[in-house]
Amino acid sequence: PNSRFTLMLTFWDAFKQLESYSARKVANLAKLLAHLVGAIEKCLTIGVLKRVEFSPSNMPEMTIIFLSVFMTALFESVRNTEHIQTIFSHGAPKSSQLIGSSKFQESHEDDDDNNKQTTKKEDLSDLRESISLFLLQYIKS
């Protein structure tokens, strides 16, 4: 468990330096991360990507290379559709949580943004949306 956190921090540090790496190093890093995320043993979750800057208008070249190689390697290595769903649904709220959260939102619509609590599940839903936009914009069949 502690080694997972350390490994995640290592990848986050690498994401900050992607632009200084060669294309080969970025591709190898992406393949390694795809292997760790796609592993059945759950070495790392897709949540490790939440520190990657997904800006559709001006995404740096090395980030595009990293994400393209990562997504390609992940989808090629995991042949089981259910496993892919498990990878991308990590942190997704269950249907019972969605019902509870919609009731909470309705009862607290007038609260200030400062009073709203942000959870990891909300962060990962933003990540899933960013990944979807990336796939639509950069990955062509």
N, C-alpha and C. Protein backbone atom coordinates (compact mmCIF):
# COMPACT_ATOMS: atom_id res chain seq x y z
N PRO A 1 0.81 -1.22 0.00
CA PRO A 1 0.00 0.00 0.00
C PRO A 1 0.84 1.27 0.00
N ASN A 2 1.87 1.36 0.83
CA ASN A 2 2.72 2.55 0.86
C ASN A 2 3.51 2.69 -0.43
N SER A 3 3.89 1.57 -1.02
CA SER A 3 4.65 1.63 -2.26
C SER A 3 3.79 2.16 -3.41
N ARG A 4 2.48 1.92 -3.37
CA ARG A 4 1.58 2.46 -4.39
C ARG A 4 1.58 3.99 -4.34
N PHE A 5 1.50 4.51 -3.14
CA PHE A 5 1.48 5.96 -2.98
C PHE A 5 2.80 6.57 -3.45
N THR A 6 3.90 5.94 -3.10
CA THR A 6 5.21 6.41 -3.53
C THR A 6 5.33 6.36 -5.05
N LEU A 7 4.86 5.28 -5.64
CA LEU A 7 4.89 5.15 -7.10
C LEU A 7 4.03 6.22 -7.76
N MET A 8 2.86 6.50 -7.19
CA MET A 8 1.99 7.55 -7.72
C MET A 8 2.67 8.91 -7.64
N LEU A 9 3.32 9.22 -6.54
CA LEU A 9 4.04 10.48 -6.40
C LEU A 9 5.17 10.59 -7.41
N THR A 10 5.82 9.47 -7.68
CA THR A 10 6.90 9.45 -8.68
C THR A 10 6.36 9.79 -10.06
N PHE A 11 5.23 9.23 -10.42
CA PHE A 11 4.62 9.56 -11.71
C PHE A 11 4.18 11.02 -11.74
N TRP A 12 3.64 11.53 -10.64
CA TRP A 12 3.23 12.94 -10.61
C TRP A 12 4.42 13.86 -10.83
N ASP A 13 5.56 13.51 -10.24
CA ASP A 13 6.78 14.30 -10.47
C ASP A 13 7.21 14.21 -11.94
N ALA A 14 7.08 13.03 -12.52
CA ALA A 14 7.46 12.86 -13.93
C ALA A 14 6.53 13.66 -14.85
N PHE A 15 5.24 13.75 -14.49
CA PHE A 15 4.30 14.52 -15.31
C PHE A 15 4.70 15.99 -15.37
N LYS A 16 5.26 16.50 -14.29
CA LYS A 16 5.69 17.90 -14.26
C LYS A 16 6.85 18.15 -15.22
N GLN A 17 7.62 17.09 -15.51
CA GLN A 17 8.82 17.23 -16.32
C GLN A 17 8.68 16.65 -17.72
N LEU A 18 7.48 16.31 -18.15
CA LEU A 18 7.30 15.65 -19.44
C LEU A 18 7.95 16.41 -20.59
N GLU A 19 7.85 17.72 -20.58
CA GLU A 19 8.37 18.52 -21.69
C GLU A 19 9.90 18.46 -21.80
N SER A 20 10.57 18.11 -20.71
CA SER A 20 12.03 18.04 -20.76
C SER A 20 12.52 16.65 -21.19
N TYR A 21 11.61 15.68 -21.29
CA TYR A 21 11.98 14.32 -21.67
C TYR A 21 11.98 14.16 -23.19
N SER A 22 12.74 13.16 -23.64
CA SER A 22 12.70 12.81 -25.07
C SER A 22 11.41 12.06 -25.36
N ALA A 23 11.05 11.99 -26.62
CA ALA A 23 9.83 11.28 -27.02
C ALA A 23 9.91 9.81 -26.63
N ARG A 24 11.09 9.23 -26.75
CA ARG A 24 11.28 7.82 -26.39
C ARG A 24 11.04 7.60 -24.90
N LYS A 25 11.57 8.48 -24.06
CA LYS A 25 11.38 8.35 -22.61
C LYS A 25 9.91 8.54 -22.24
N VAL A 26 9.23 9.48 -22.89
CA VAL A 26 7.81 9.72 -22.63
C VAL A 26 6.99 8.49 -23.03
N ALA A 27 7.31 7.89 -24.17
CA ALA A 27 6.60 6.70 -24.63
C ALA A 27 6.83 5.52 -23.68
N ASN A 28 8.05 5.34 -23.22
CA ASN A 28 8.35 4.26 -22.28
C ASN A 28 7.64 4.47 -20.94
N LEU A 29 7.59 5.70 -20.48
CA LEU A 29 6.89 6.03 -19.24
C LEU A 29 5.39 5.73 -19.39
N ALA A 30 4.83 6.07 -20.54
CA ALA A 30 3.41 5.82 -20.81
C ALA A 30 3.12 4.32 -20.84
N LYS A 31 4.00 3.54 -21.46
CA LYS A 31 3.81 2.10 -21.52
C LYS A 31 3.89 1.46 -20.14
N LEU A 32 4.83 1.94 -19.33
CA LEU A 32 4.95 1.44 -17.97
C LEU A 32 3.69 1.74 -17.17
N LEU A 33 3.21 2.97 -17.25
CA LEU A 33 2.01 3.34 -16.51
C LEU A 33 0.79 2.55 -17.01
N ALA A 34 0.68 2.34 -18.31
CA ALA A 34 -0.43 1.56 -18.86
C ALA A 34 -0.40 0.14 -18.31
N HIS A 35 0.80 -0.42 -18.19
CA HIS A 35 0.93 -1.77 -17.64
C HIS A 35 0.49 -1.79 -16.17
N LEU A 36 0.92 -0.79 -15.40
CA LEU A 36 0.59 -0.75 -13.97
C LEU A 36 -0.90 -0.49 -13.73
N VAL A 37 -1.51 0.34 -14.56
CA VAL A 37 -2.94 0.63 -14.42
C VAL A 37 -3.77 -0.54 -14.93
N GLY A 38 -3.33 -1.18 -15.99
CA GLY A 38 -4.08 -2.28 -16.59
C GLY A 38 -3.90 -3.61 -15.90
N ALA A 39 -2.97 -3.70 -14.97
CA ALA A 39 -2.71 -4.97 -14.30
C ALA A 39 -3.91 -5.40 -13.46
N ILE A 40 -4.18 -6.67 -13.46
CA ILE A 40 -5.30 -7.20 -12.68
C ILE A 40 -5.03 -7.02 -11.19
N GLU A 41 -3.77 -6.96 -10.79
CA GLU A 41 -3.42 -6.81 -9.38
C GLU A 41 -3.68 -5.40 -8.85
N LYS A 42 -4.11 -4.49 -9.74
CA LYS A 42 -4.40 -3.10 -9.36
C LYS A 42 -3.19 -2.42 -8.71
N CYS A 43 -2.09 -2.39 -9.45
CA CYS A 43 -0.90 -1.71 -8.95
C CYS A 43 -1.19 -0.22 -8.76
N LEU A 44 -1.77 0.41 -9.77
CA LEU A 44 -2.18 1.82 -9.70
C LEU A 44 -3.55 1.96 -10.34
N THR A 45 -4.24 3.04 -10.00
CA THR A 45 -5.55 3.29 -10.60
C THR A 45 -5.43 4.39 -11.65
N ILE A 46 -6.47 4.55 -12.43
CA ILE A 46 -6.51 5.59 -13.47
C ILE A 46 -6.44 6.98 -12.82
N GLY A 47 -6.72 7.06 -11.54
CA GLY A 47 -6.66 8.33 -10.82
C GLY A 47 -5.28 8.97 -10.81
N VAL A 48 -4.24 8.20 -11.14
CA VAL A 48 -2.90 8.75 -11.20
C VAL A 48 -2.81 9.86 -12.26
N LEU A 49 -3.69 9.81 -13.24
CA LEU A 49 -3.67 10.81 -14.32
C LEU A 49 -4.29 12.15 -13.93
N LYS A 50 -4.82 12.26 -12.71
CA LYS A 50 -5.49 13.51 -12.37
C LYS A 50 -4.52 14.68 -12.27
N ARG A 51 -3.24 14.44 -12.25
CA ARG A 51 -2.24 15.52 -12.22
C ARG A 51 -1.75 15.92 -13.61
N VAL A 52 -2.26 15.25 -14.65
CA VAL A 52 -1.89 15.59 -16.02
C VAL A 52 -2.77 16.75 -16.47
N GLU A 53 -2.16 17.74 -17.09
CA GLU A 53 -2.91 18.90 -17.59
C GLU A 53 -3.61 18.55 -18.89
N PHE A 54 -4.92 18.46 -18.85
CA PHE A 54 -5.73 18.19 -20.04
C PHE A 54 -6.30 19.52 -20.52
N SER A 55 -5.57 20.19 -21.38
CA SER A 55 -6.08 21.45 -21.94
C SER A 55 -6.19 21.27 -23.45
N PRO A 56 -7.40 21.08 -23.95
CA PRO A 56 -7.59 20.74 -25.37
C PRO A 56 -7.02 21.77 -26.34
N SER A 57 -6.99 23.03 -25.96
CA SER A 57 -6.56 24.05 -26.91
C SER A 57 -5.04 24.14 -27.08
N ASN A 58 -4.30 23.97 -26.00
CA ASN A 58 -2.85 24.13 -26.10
C ASN A 58 -2.10 23.07 -25.30
N MET A 59 -2.39 21.80 -25.56
CA MET A 59 -1.72 20.72 -24.87
C MET A 59 -0.31 20.56 -25.42
N PRO A 60 0.70 20.51 -24.55
CA PRO A 60 2.08 20.35 -25.02
C PRO A 60 2.26 19.03 -25.79
N GLU A 61 3.20 19.05 -26.72
CA GLU A 61 3.43 17.90 -27.59
C GLU A 61 3.77 16.63 -26.82
N MET A 62 4.61 16.73 -25.81
CA MET A 62 5.01 15.54 -25.05
C MET A 62 3.83 14.98 -24.25
N THR A 63 2.92 15.82 -23.82
CA THR A 63 1.73 15.35 -23.11
C THR A 63 0.83 14.59 -24.07
N ILE A 64 0.70 15.09 -25.30
CA ILE A 64 -0.09 14.39 -26.32
C ILE A 64 0.52 13.03 -26.62
N ILE A 65 1.83 13.00 -26.77
CA ILE A 65 2.52 11.72 -27.03
C ILE A 65 2.30 10.77 -25.86
N PHE A 66 2.48 11.27 -24.63
CA PHE A 66 2.31 10.44 -23.45
C PHE A 66 0.90 9.84 -23.39
N LEU A 67 -0.11 10.68 -23.52
CA LEU A 67 -1.49 10.20 -23.41
C LEU A 67 -1.87 9.28 -24.56
N SER A 68 -1.39 9.58 -25.76
CA SER A 68 -1.68 8.72 -26.91
C SER A 68 -1.08 7.33 -26.73
N VAL A 69 0.17 7.28 -26.33
CA VAL A 69 0.84 5.99 -26.11
C VAL A 69 0.20 5.27 -24.93
N PHE A 70 -0.11 6.00 -23.86
CA PHE A 70 -0.74 5.39 -22.68
C PHE A 70 -2.07 4.75 -23.04
N MET A 71 -2.94 5.49 -23.71
CA MET A 71 -4.26 4.97 -24.06
C MET A 71 -4.15 3.78 -25.02
N THR A 72 -3.29 3.89 -26.00
CA THR A 72 -3.10 2.81 -26.96
C THR A 72 -2.59 1.55 -26.25
N ALA A 73 -1.58 1.71 -25.43
CA ALA A 73 -1.01 0.55 -24.72
C ALA A 73 -2.02 -0.05 -23.75
N LEU A 74 -2.78 0.79 -23.09
CA LEU A 74 -3.78 0.29 -22.14
C LEU A 74 -4.85 -0.52 -22.85
N PHE A 75 -5.40 0.02 -23.94
CA PHE A 75 -6.46 -0.69 -24.65
C PHE A 75 -5.93 -1.93 -25.36
N GLU A 76 -4.69 -1.93 -25.80
CA GLU A 76 -4.13 -3.11 -26.46
C GLU A 76 -3.81 -4.22 -25.46
N SER A 77 -3.40 -3.85 -24.25
CA SER A 77 -3.00 -4.86 -23.26
C SER A 77 -4.20 -5.48 -22.54
N VAL A 78 -5.28 -4.74 -22.43
CA VAL A 78 -6.45 -5.25 -21.72
C VAL A 78 -7.51 -5.63 -22.75
N ARG A 79 -7.69 -6.90 -22.94
CA ARG A 79 -8.63 -7.39 -23.95
C ARG A 79 -10.05 -7.57 -23.39
N ASN A 80 -10.17 -7.67 -22.09
CA ASN A 80 -11.44 -7.93 -21.45
C ASN A 80 -12.21 -6.62 -21.25
N THR A 81 -13.38 -6.51 -21.84
CA THR A 81 -14.19 -5.30 -21.75
C THR A 81 -14.56 -4.97 -20.31
N GLU A 82 -14.86 -5.98 -19.54
CA GLU A 82 -15.23 -5.76 -18.14
C GLU A 82 -14.07 -5.16 -17.35
N HIS A 83 -12.86 -5.59 -17.66
CA HIS A 83 -11.69 -5.05 -16.96
C HIS A 83 -11.48 -3.57 -17.32
N ILE A 84 -11.68 -3.23 -18.58
CA ILE A 84 -11.59 -1.82 -19.00
C ILE A 84 -12.63 -0.99 -18.25
N GLN A 85 -13.85 -1.51 -18.15
CA GLN A 85 -14.89 -0.80 -17.41
C GLN A 85 -14.51 -0.61 -15.96
N THR A 86 -13.89 -1.62 -15.37
CA THR A 86 -13.45 -1.53 -13.98
C THR A 86 -12.37 -0.46 -13.83
N ILE A 87 -11.44 -0.42 -14.78
CA ILE A 87 -10.36 0.57 -14.73
C ILE A 87 -10.92 1.98 -14.78
N PHE A 88 -11.84 2.24 -15.70
CA PHE A 88 -12.35 3.59 -15.88
C PHE A 88 -13.49 3.95 -14.94
N SER A 89 -14.06 2.97 -14.26
CA SER A 89 -15.13 3.29 -13.31
C SER A 89 -14.60 3.42 -11.90
N HIS A 90 -13.29 3.25 -11.71
CA HIS A 90 -12.71 3.39 -10.38
C HIS A 90 -13.05 4.78 -9.84
N GLY A 91 -13.68 4.78 -8.66
CA GLY A 91 -14.03 6.05 -8.04
C GLY A 91 -15.36 6.61 -8.51
N ALA A 92 -16.03 5.92 -9.44
CA ALA A 92 -17.33 6.40 -9.90
C ALA A 92 -18.36 6.16 -8.82
N PRO A 93 -19.23 7.12 -8.60
CA PRO A 93 -20.24 6.92 -7.56
C PRO A 93 -21.22 5.81 -7.95
N LYS A 94 -21.61 5.02 -6.96
CA LYS A 94 -22.61 3.98 -7.18
C LYS A 94 -23.96 4.64 -7.36
N SER A 95 -24.91 3.91 -7.91
CA SER A 95 -26.22 4.49 -8.17
C SER A 95 -26.86 4.99 -6.88
N SER A 96 -26.66 4.30 -5.76
CA SER A 96 -27.23 4.76 -4.50
C SER A 96 -26.56 6.06 -4.05
N GLN A 97 -25.27 6.23 -4.35
CA GLN A 97 -24.58 7.47 -4.01
C GLN A 97 -25.07 8.61 -4.89
N LEU A 98 -25.39 8.31 -6.16
CA LEU A 98 -25.91 9.35 -7.05
C LEU A 98 -27.25 9.86 -6.57
N ILE A 99 -28.11 8.97 -6.11
CA ILE A 99 -29.41 9.39 -5.61
C ILE A 99 -29.23 10.27 -4.38
N GLY A 100 -28.36 9.85 -3.47
CA GLY A 100 -28.12 10.65 -2.27
C GLY A 100 -27.49 11.99 -2.59
N SER A 101 -26.57 12.02 -3.55
CA SER A 101 -25.91 13.28 -3.88
C SER A 101 -26.84 14.24 -4.57
N SER A 102 -27.79 13.73 -5.38
CA SER A 102 -28.73 14.63 -6.04
C SER A 102 -29.68 15.23 -5.01
N LYS A 103 -30.06 14.46 -4.00
CA LYS A 103 -30.89 15.01 -2.93
C LYS A 103 -30.12 16.06 -2.16
N PHE A 104 -28.84 15.78 -1.91
CA PHE A 104 -28.01 16.75 -1.20
C PHE A 104 -27.89 18.04 -1.99
N GLN A 105 -27.69 17.92 -3.30
CA GLN A 105 -27.57 19.11 -4.14
C GLN A 105 -28.86 19.92 -4.13
N GLU A 106 -30.01 19.25 -4.21
CA GLU A 106 -31.28 19.96 -4.22
C GLU A 106 -31.50 20.71 -2.91
N SER A 107 -31.10 20.10 -1.79
CA SER A 107 -31.34 20.73 -0.50
C SER A 107 -30.33 21.82 -0.18
N HIS A 108 -29.21 21.88 -0.91
CA HIS A 108 -28.16 22.86 -0.63
C HIS A 108 -27.82 23.70 -1.85
N GLU A 109 -28.77 23.93 -2.74
CA GLU A 109 -28.49 24.68 -3.96
C GLU A 109 -28.04 26.11 -3.68
N ASP A 110 -28.50 26.70 -2.61
CA ASP A 110 -28.19 28.10 -2.34
C ASP A 110 -26.90 28.31 -1.57
N ASP A 111 -26.22 27.22 -1.19
CA ASP A 111 -24.96 27.35 -0.44
C ASP A 111 -23.87 27.93 -1.32
N ASP A 112 -22.93 28.64 -0.69
CA ASP A 112 -21.78 29.17 -1.42
C ASP A 112 -20.88 28.03 -1.87
N ASP A 113 -20.06 28.29 -2.90
CA ASP A 113 -19.11 27.28 -3.39
C ASP A 113 -18.12 26.89 -2.30
N ASN A 114 -17.79 27.80 -1.41
CA ASN A 114 -16.84 27.50 -0.34
C ASN A 114 -17.37 26.46 0.62
N ASN A 115 -18.68 26.33 0.72
CA ASN A 115 -19.27 25.40 1.65
C ASN A 115 -19.44 24.01 1.07
N LYS A 116 -19.29 23.87 -0.23
CA LYS A 116 -19.44 22.56 -0.87
C LYS A 116 -18.19 21.74 -0.65
N GLN A 117 -18.38 20.46 -0.38
CA GLN A 117 -17.24 19.59 -0.17
C GLN A 117 -16.91 18.88 -1.47
N THR A 118 -15.63 18.88 -1.84
CA THR A 118 -15.19 18.19 -3.04
C THR A 118 -14.62 16.84 -2.62
N THR A 119 -15.08 15.80 -3.28
CA THR A 119 -14.61 14.47 -2.94
C THR A 119 -13.72 13.94 -4.05
N LYS A 120 -13.04 12.86 -3.75
CA LYS A 120 -12.19 12.23 -4.75
C LYS A 120 -13.03 11.73 -5.92
N LYS A 121 -14.24 11.30 -5.66
CA LYS A 121 -15.11 10.80 -6.72
C LYS A 121 -15.42 11.91 -7.72
N GLU A 122 -15.63 13.13 -7.24
CA GLU A 122 -15.87 14.26 -8.14
C GLU A 122 -14.63 14.55 -8.96
N ASP A 123 -13.46 14.46 -8.33
CA ASP A 123 -12.21 14.70 -9.05
C ASP A 123 -12.04 13.69 -10.17
N LEU A 124 -12.38 12.42 -9.90
CA LEU A 124 -12.21 11.40 -10.92
C LEU A 124 -13.25 11.53 -12.02
N SER A 125 -14.42 12.06 -11.71
CA SER A 125 -15.39 12.27 -12.79
C SER A 125 -14.89 13.36 -13.73
N ASP A 126 -14.22 14.38 -13.18
CA ASP A 126 -13.59 15.39 -14.02
C ASP A 126 -12.49 14.76 -14.87
N LEU A 127 -11.73 13.85 -14.27
CA LEU A 127 -10.67 13.17 -15.00
C LEU A 127 -11.26 12.34 -16.15
N ARG A 128 -12.33 11.60 -15.88
CA ARG A 128 -12.96 10.81 -16.94
C ARG A 128 -13.45 11.70 -18.08
N GLU A 129 -14.00 12.85 -17.73
CA GLU A 129 -14.46 13.78 -18.77
C GLU A 129 -13.27 14.29 -19.59
N SER A 130 -12.17 14.61 -18.92
CA SER A 130 -10.97 15.08 -19.62
C SER A 130 -10.41 14.01 -20.54
N ILE A 131 -10.40 12.77 -20.05
CA ILE A 131 -9.91 11.66 -20.88
C ILE A 131 -10.81 11.49 -22.10
N SER A 132 -12.11 11.60 -21.90
CA SER A 132 -13.04 11.47 -23.03
C SER A 132 -12.78 12.55 -24.08
N LEU A 133 -12.59 13.77 -23.64
CA LEU A 133 -12.29 14.86 -24.58
C LEU A 133 -10.99 14.62 -25.31
N PHE A 134 -9.97 14.14 -24.58
CA PHE A 134 -8.69 13.83 -25.21
C PHE A 134 -8.88 12.76 -26.29
N LEU A 135 -9.58 11.71 -25.95
CA LEU A 135 -9.78 10.62 -26.91
C LEU A 135 -10.52 11.10 -28.15
N LEU A 136 -11.51 11.92 -27.95
CA LEU A 136 -12.27 12.44 -29.10
C LEU A 136 -11.41 13.35 -29.98
N GLN A 137 -10.55 14.14 -29.36
CA GLN A 137 -9.78 15.12 -30.12
C GLN A 137 -8.52 14.53 -30.74
N TYR A 138 -7.81 13.66 -30.04
CA TYR A 138 -6.49 13.25 -30.49
C TYR A 138 -6.39 11.82 -31.00
N ILE A 139 -7.24 10.94 -30.52
CA ILE A 139 -7.13 9.55 -30.94
C ILE A 139 -8.17 9.31 -32.04
N LYS A 140 -7.67 9.04 -33.20
CA LYS A 140 -8.55 8.75 -34.34
C LYS A 140 -8.38 7.28 -34.70
N SER A 141 -9.46 6.64 -35.07
CA SER A 141 -9.39 5.21 -35.37
C SER A 141 -8.61 5.02 -36.63
